[in-house]
Amino acid sequence: MNQYGHYAIYYLQDPSNMEIFYVGCTTGPGTRLEDHLKKWDNLPEKYARIQNLLAVEVFPIMVIVEENISDKLVALRKERELVQELQAKGEPLANKNLMLHTWKIGS
């Protein structure tokens, strides 16, 4: 969590082709990229993409789209909107289906 407890919306980008492959929301943008680099999660596409980059000693780019969002529901809504926007542009998001499923309840 950042010092203020606020949320940030971000995406991960492949520096080899500039494709955006993941959108996230976090209270710890300073350590979140490191977490992505170290940990397996329920998104095998994202994990494989990161591992392929690391194999050639390249790191994904983390771009903060918006920060200092104090309300969690607002932050999650903005995350969902960014996923939808990028998906409409054809970005190969690893979390597109997960996001849509997560937001079926209470959206």
C-alpha atoms as a PDB file:
ATOM      1  CA  MET A   1       0.000   0.000   0.000  1.00  0.00           C
ATOM      2  CA  ASN A   2       1.288   3.468  -0.761  1.00  0.00           C
ATOM      3  CA  GLN A   3       1.715   5.983   1.988  1.00  0.00           C
ATOM      4  CA  TYR A   4      -1.745   7.451   1.424  1.00  0.00           C
ATOM      5  CA  GLY A   5      -3.705   4.227   0.891  1.00  0.00           C
ATOM      6  CA  HIS A   6      -4.757   5.395  -2.563  1.00  0.00           C
ATOM      7  CA  TYR A   7      -5.095   3.253  -5.667  1.00  0.00           C
ATOM      8  CA  ALA A   8      -3.287   3.420  -8.976  1.00  0.00           C
ATOM      9  CA  ILE A   9      -4.320   2.014 -12.356  1.00  0.00           C
ATOM     10  CA  TYR A  10      -1.478   0.696 -14.500  1.00  0.00           C
ATOM     11  CA  TYR A  11      -0.638  -1.503 -17.423  1.00  0.00           C
ATOM     12  CA  LEU A  12       2.281  -3.723 -18.374  1.00  0.00           C
ATOM     13  CA  GLN A  13       3.786  -3.309 -21.804  1.00  0.00           C
ATOM     14  CA  ASP A  14       6.158  -5.489 -23.798  1.00  0.00           C
ATOM     15  CA  PRO A  15       9.117  -3.259 -24.779  1.00  0.00           C
ATOM     16  CA  SER A  16       9.959  -5.444 -27.785  1.00  0.00           C
ATOM     17  CA  ASN A  17       6.717  -4.595 -29.625  1.00  0.00           C
ATOM     18  CA  MET A  18       4.984  -2.103 -27.275  1.00  0.00           C
ATOM     19  CA  GLU A  19       1.938  -4.365 -26.868  1.00  0.00           C
ATOM     20  CA  ILE A  20       0.000  -3.860 -23.659  1.00  0.00           C
ATOM     21  CA  PHE A  21      -0.596  -7.265 -22.133  1.00  0.00           C
ATOM     22  CA  TYR A  22      -1.972  -6.634 -18.639  1.00  0.00           C
ATOM     23  CA  VAL A  23      -4.006  -3.999 -16.777  1.00  0.00           C
ATOM     24  CA  GLY A  24      -4.005  -3.761 -13.007  1.00  0.00           C
ATOM     25  CA  CYS A  25      -5.042  -1.777  -9.967  1.00  0.00           C
ATOM     26  CA  THR A  26      -2.813  -1.509  -6.910  1.00  0.00           C
ATOM     27  CA  THR A  27      -2.110   0.432  -3.750  1.00  0.00           C
ATOM     28  CA  GLY A  28       1.584  -0.353  -4.102  1.00  0.00           C
ATOM     29  CA  PRO A  29       2.790   0.758  -7.529  1.00  0.00           C
ATOM     30  CA  GLY A  30       6.367   0.988  -6.282  1.00  0.00           C
ATOM     31  CA  THR A  31       6.564  -2.752  -5.620  1.00  0.00           C
ATOM     32  CA  ARG A  32       3.876  -4.127  -7.921  1.00  0.00           C
ATOM     33  CA  LEU A  33       6.127  -4.650 -10.950  1.00  0.00           C
ATOM     34  CA  GLU A  34       8.551  -6.597  -8.787  1.00  0.00           C
ATOM     35  CA  ASP A  35       5.664  -8.758  -7.586  1.00  0.00           C
ATOM     36  CA  HIS A  36       4.707  -9.513 -11.195  1.00  0.00           C
ATOM     37  CA  LEU A  37       8.279 -10.506 -11.994  1.00  0.00           C
ATOM     38  CA  LYS A  38       8.573 -12.916  -9.068  1.00  0.00           C
ATOM     39  CA  LYS A  39       5.185 -14.542  -8.593  1.00  0.00           C
ATOM     40  CA  TRP A  40       3.053 -17.019 -10.495  1.00  0.00           C
ATOM     41  CA  ASP A  41      -0.643 -16.182 -10.464  1.00  0.00           C
ATOM     42  CA  ASN A  42      -3.847 -17.363 -12.113  1.00  0.00           C
ATOM     43  CA  LEU A  43      -2.989 -15.749 -15.470  1.00  0.00           C
ATOM     44  CA  PRO A  44      -0.687 -18.133 -17.336  1.00  0.00           C
ATOM     45  CA  GLU A  45      -0.567 -15.854 -20.422  1.00  0.00           C
ATOM     46  CA  LYS A  46       0.795 -12.959 -18.375  1.00  0.00           C
ATOM     47  CA  TYR A  47       3.254 -15.169 -16.535  1.00  0.00           C
ATOM     48  CA  ALA A  48       4.528 -16.735 -19.776  1.00  0.00           C
ATOM     49  CA  ARG A  49       4.927 -13.313 -21.394  1.00  0.00           C
ATOM     50  CA  ILE A  50       6.943 -12.014 -18.442  1.00  0.00           C
ATOM     51  CA  GLN A  51       9.087 -15.152 -18.311  1.00  0.00           C
ATOM     52  CA  ASN A  52       9.806 -14.902 -22.054  1.00  0.00           C
ATOM     53  CA  LEU A  53      10.932 -11.310 -21.602  1.00  0.00           C
ATOM     54  CA  LEU A  54      13.107 -12.151 -18.608  1.00  0.00           C
ATOM     55  CA  ALA A  55      14.714 -15.023 -20.545  1.00  0.00           C
ATOM     56  CA  VAL A  56      16.227 -12.432 -22.900  1.00  0.00           C
ATOM     57  CA  GLU A  57      17.000 -10.036 -20.032  1.00  0.00           C
ATOM     58  CA  VAL A  58      14.220  -7.604 -20.875  1.00  0.00           C
ATOM     59  CA  PHE A  59      11.765  -6.212 -18.339  1.00  0.00           C
ATOM     60  CA  PRO A  60       8.161  -5.276 -19.012  1.00  0.00           C
ATOM     61  CA  ILE A  61       7.359  -1.588 -18.799  1.00  0.00           C
ATOM     62  CA  MET A  62       4.903  -0.554 -16.087  1.00  0.00           C
ATOM     63  CA  VAL A  63       2.942   2.561 -17.013  1.00  0.00           C
ATOM     64  CA  ILE A  64       0.869   4.306 -14.353  1.00  0.00           C
ATOM     65  CA  VAL A  65      -2.275   5.558 -16.086  1.00  0.00           C
ATOM     66  CA  GLU A  66      -3.890   7.192 -13.068  1.00  0.00           C
ATOM     67  CA  GLU A  67      -3.009   7.416  -9.396  1.00  0.00           C
ATOM     68  CA  ASN A  68      -4.246   8.864  -6.108  1.00  0.00           C
ATOM     69  CA  ILE A  69      -7.703   7.320  -6.461  1.00  0.00           C
ATOM     70  CA  SER A  70      -9.073   7.179  -2.921  1.00  0.00           C
ATOM     71  CA  ASP A  71     -12.143   4.993  -3.504  1.00  0.00           C
ATOM     72  CA  LYS A  72     -11.604   1.297  -4.234  1.00  0.00           C
ATOM     73  CA  LEU A  73     -14.805   0.872  -6.251  1.00  0.00           C
ATOM     74  CA  VAL A  74     -13.934   3.889  -8.391  1.00  0.00           C
ATOM     75  CA  ALA A  75     -10.460   2.453  -8.977  1.00  0.00           C
ATOM     76  CA  LEU A  76     -11.853  -0.946  -9.966  1.00  0.00           C
ATOM     77  CA  ARG A  77     -14.345   0.688 -12.329  1.00  0.00           C
ATOM     78  CA  LYS A  78     -11.529   2.660 -13.975  1.00  0.00           C
ATOM     79  CA  GLU A  79      -9.474  -0.532 -14.270  1.00  0.00           C
ATOM     80  CA  ARG A  80     -12.393  -2.292 -15.971  1.00  0.00           C
ATOM     81  CA  GLU A  81     -12.920   0.646 -18.335  1.00  0.00           C
ATOM     82  CA  LEU A  82      -9.251   0.613 -19.326  1.00  0.00           C
ATOM     83  CA  VAL A  83      -9.407  -3.137 -19.986  1.00  0.00           C
ATOM     84  CA  GLN A  84     -12.440  -2.617 -22.219  1.00  0.00           C
ATOM     85  CA  GLU A  85     -10.829   0.319 -24.046  1.00  0.00           C
ATOM     86  CA  LEU A  86      -7.581  -1.538 -24.712  1.00  0.00           C
ATOM     87  CA  GLN A  87      -9.389  -4.718 -25.696  1.00  0.00           C
ATOM     88  CA  ALA A  88     -11.431  -2.718 -28.234  1.00  0.00           C
ATOM     89  CA  LYS A  89      -8.122  -1.448 -29.680  1.00  0.00           C
ATOM     90  CA  GLY A  90      -6.939  -5.043 -30.086  1.00  0.00           C
ATOM     91  CA  GLU A  91      -4.350  -5.183 -27.317  1.00  0.00           C
ATOM     92  CA  PRO A  92      -3.636  -8.817 -26.312  1.00  0.00           C
ATOM     93  CA  LEU A  93      -4.634  -8.517 -22.653  1.00  0.00           C
ATOM     94  CA  ALA A  94      -4.030 -11.568 -20.497  1.00  0.00           C
ATOM     95  CA  ASN A  95      -6.719 -10.506 -18.035  1.00  0.00           C
ATOM     96  CA  LYS A  96      -9.559  -9.508 -20.386  1.00  0.00           C
ATOM     97  CA  ASN A  97     -11.769 -12.536 -19.612  1.00  0.00           C
ATOM     98  CA  LEU A  98     -11.020 -12.464 -15.892  1.00  0.00           C
ATOM     99  CA  MET A  99     -11.986  -8.786 -15.694  1.00  0.00           C
ATOM    100  CA  LEU A 100     -15.280  -9.297 -17.478  1.00  0.00           C
ATOM    101  CA  HIS A 101     -16.145 -12.252 -15.256  1.00  0.00           C
ATOM    102  CA  THR A 102     -15.216 -10.347 -12.073  1.00  0.00           C
ATOM    103  CA  TRP A 103     -17.491  -7.457 -12.993  1.00  0.00           C
ATOM    104  CA  LYS A 104     -20.627  -9.465 -13.801  1.00  0.00           C
ATOM    105  CA  ILE A 105     -21.697  -9.150 -10.163  1.00  0.00           C
ATOM    106  CA  GLY A 106     -22.420  -5.635  -9.013  1.00  0.00           C
ATOM    107  CA  SER A 107     -21.206  -3.827 -12.115  1.00  0.00           C
END
